[in-house]
C-alpha cells in the first residue's frame, strides 16, 4: 500500500506508478466516496458520458409526447390513457 500526503490546498498527488497502472492522465476525473469504515474511495471515471453513446445506432423512429405518455401508461398497466 502506498501513502500520500494531503497538501495545504487539500490536494493529493497520486504516485506515478499508480497513475500509469490505472491509465490516469491529467484531467482524468475521479469519483470520490467514503465507505462504511471511513475509508476514502477513489474510482477513475475513465469515460465521459458522451463517449458511452458515441457508437450507438442512429435513432430510426421518433415519438410525440402523447405517444410517450400512452406507452408509459400501457407499460404501467393503465391502458385507458
Protein backbone atom coordinates (compact mmCIF):
# COMPACT_ATOMS: atom_id res chain seq x y z
CA UNK A 1 0.00 0.00 0.00
CA UNK A 2 1.26 3.47 -0.87
CA UNK A 3 0.69 6.53 1.28
CA UNK A 4 0.06 10.07 0.05
CA UNK A 5 0.03 13.40 1.87
CA UNK A 6 -2.73 15.98 1.77
CA UNK A 7 -1.39 19.41 0.79
CA UNK A 8 -2.39 22.68 2.45
CA UNK A 9 -4.73 23.23 -0.53
CA UNK A 10 -6.48 19.88 0.06
CA UNK A 11 -4.77 18.20 -2.89
CA UNK A 12 -3.41 14.65 -3.15
CA UNK A 13 -0.67 13.54 -5.51
CA UNK A 14 -1.19 10.05 -6.85
CA UNK A 15 2.19 8.35 -7.34
CA UNK A 16 3.30 7.85 -10.94
CA UNK A 17 3.28 4.03 -10.74
CA UNK A 18 -0.39 4.05 -9.69
CA UNK A 19 -1.33 6.65 -12.33
CA UNK A 20 0.34 4.63 -15.05
CA UNK A 21 -1.16 1.31 -13.95
CA UNK A 22 -4.66 2.85 -13.88
CA UNK A 23 -4.23 4.85 -17.09
CA UNK A 24 -4.80 8.16 -15.30
CA UNK A 25 -3.78 11.24 -17.24
CA UNK A 26 -4.03 14.96 -16.43
CA UNK A 27 -7.69 15.94 -16.38
CA UNK A 28 -8.96 12.43 -15.54
CA UNK A 29 -11.98 12.67 -13.26
CA UNK A 30 -12.23 10.51 -10.14
CA UNK A 31 -15.43 9.57 -8.38
CA UNK A 32 -14.92 10.03 -4.62
CA UNK A 33 -16.82 8.42 -1.75
CA UNK A 34 -16.33 7.25 1.82
CA UNK A 35 -17.20 3.66 2.69
CA UNK A 36 -18.86 2.46 5.90
CA UNK A 37 -15.46 2.01 7.55
CA UNK A 38 -14.48 5.64 6.91
CA UNK A 39 -12.11 4.81 4.04
CA UNK A 40 -11.75 7.24 1.16
CA UNK A 41 -12.58 5.52 -2.13
CA UNK A 42 -11.34 6.97 -5.44
CA UNK A 43 -12.63 5.39 -8.64
CA UNK A 44 -11.42 6.60 -12.05
CA UNK A 45 -14.18 7.88 -14.28
CA UNK A 46 -12.37 6.99 -17.48
CA UNK A 47 -15.27 7.68 -19.81
CA UNK A 48 -17.17 10.89 -20.38
CA UNK A 49 -20.94 10.40 -20.77
CA UNK A 50 -20.95 11.33 -24.44
CA UNK A 51 -18.32 8.64 -25.12
CA UNK A 52 -20.70 5.97 -23.85
CA UNK A 53 -23.19 6.78 -26.63
CA UNK A 54 -20.75 7.52 -29.44
CA UNK A 55 -21.25 4.18 -31.22
CA UNK A 56 -24.96 3.69 -30.62
CA UNK A 57 -27.15 3.22 -33.67
CA UNK A 58 -28.93 6.22 -35.10
CA UNK A 59 -32.50 6.85 -33.96
CA UNK A 60 -34.87 5.39 -36.55
CA UNK A 61 -38.18 6.48 -35.05
CA UNK A 62 -39.33 9.45 -33.01
CA UNK A 63 -42.40 9.71 -30.78
CA UNK A 64 -44.61 12.61 -29.83
CA UNK A 65 -45.14 13.40 -26.16
CA UNK A 66 -48.64 11.96 -26.41
CA UNK A 67 -47.27 8.69 -27.83
CA UNK A 68 -44.73 8.54 -25.00
CA UNK A 69 -47.45 9.16 -22.39
CA UNK A 70 -49.58 6.34 -23.89
CA UNK A 71 -46.60 3.95 -23.95
CA UNK A 72 -45.74 4.75 -20.32
CA UNK A 73 -49.34 4.30 -19.23
CA UNK A 74 -49.58 1.00 -21.10
CA UNK A 75 -46.38 -0.28 -19.54
CA UNK A 76 -47.71 0.72 -16.10
CA UNK A 77 -50.87 -1.32 -16.77
CA UNK A 78 -53.19 1.61 -17.41
CA UNK A 79 -54.38 1.01 -20.93
CA UNK A 80 -57.04 3.74 -20.54
CA UNK A 81 -54.66 6.66 -21.01
